[in-house]
């Protein structure tokens, strides 16, 4: 939750002081927002303000942004790793071996963590970024059971993390699995920092990463007007400005509604004809009723323009070829994703043509498992072509791209983990 800058002295908040368009400052805001940590953003407008408020030489000083913690600790241009260490979140594994290793802490991974730990499995969750995955970037989830008024993705994720921790699950943040080895009854995951995770069973719930626009100067504007995800941390900073949201899924729809509370104008850009085929009905109705939201169908972003900040985009109609320029403060992109499954390809786990993990009945051809399958039984539902390794949520071939479905699959995967462990 982002505090108002006027409340920057709020003792429970982290204060971030930096200049507009700082990609590093954006990463910090985004991580704290997704992690449900209160913070106040103070935008430095002049060199004098930078000197007076932070003690740096000017707005171009490499020591910006500066973070000030409630206890008075000051960090200059900190990394997210340093932030997590300060918060006490970065830790090493406490066990040499686990019953269950879960890769990914989105809704599926969190659900699996709660189910596994509560049922007595020694459980560890490895997450490359912030708790919550893409769901954690969502400004509001309104169609999830039990929350009639809706709940932010970050809040839902934090509740699930706390619940899993109460049952004894461990969380390793800012860790990324880079390769794996499998032997009968045991899987070894190697993390990017050299940590080795040994587990009797594994659930892959790594989700997907947003696809890129793949435009020439895209890297130049990342975090400086171009953002991937729903941009929850940026909404209040776009007051009285124009922004655009690219994508037609629920996360994009919720982002548009969230921005409409602050921005002067919100443009939703989609390749298709309308939102009806990709968006929940209640969101379609709300977007259509919002006076400051317009939807451009059959439209794609074809160029980015600006100096140090993104200032405008070129839009091209994919039916008529008509071209127009749109001046905006921010472009927020949620256009589907690609799965995190490179590791699976290296060890021979079967993926579909798009890289999603194939599981259970989908592995069978004419009723038979693949030739590489070593057991007499067929793969369990949600089990990959590697016995004891399961997939849940968006990373899985055929998965329903909804939060509730991912939560269900995470819990279901643990049921099959128990069956698998009982065999050995």
Foldseek 3Di string as FASTA:
>chain_A
DEDEQVVQLVLQAKEKEAAAQDLLVLQVLQQCLLQVRYYYYHHDDWQVSCCVVPVARGRVGQQPTWIAHSVGDIGTSDDVVVVCVVVVNADADPDQEWAEEEEAQALLSLLLLLQQLQVPTAYEYEYQGHHHPLQSLFQWDCPDPPCPPTDRSSVVRNVSVVSSVVSPYHYHYNWAFDAWDDDQQWIWTAIPVGDIYIHSFYEYAHAFFFDDLPADCVVLADSQFEDEGLPPSCLQVQAAWEEEEEAQAARSLSSQVSNLVGYQAYEYEYLADDSVVHYDPVSRVVQVPRPRYDYDYQKDFHAFDDDSHTFWTWIARNPPRDIDIDGGRHYYYHYDGQAPQPNCVVVVWDADPRQAFEFDPSQDDVNHHDPLQDDPDGTDGQAISDQRYGYAANSHPPFDNDSNSRSVRSSVVVVVSVVSVVVD
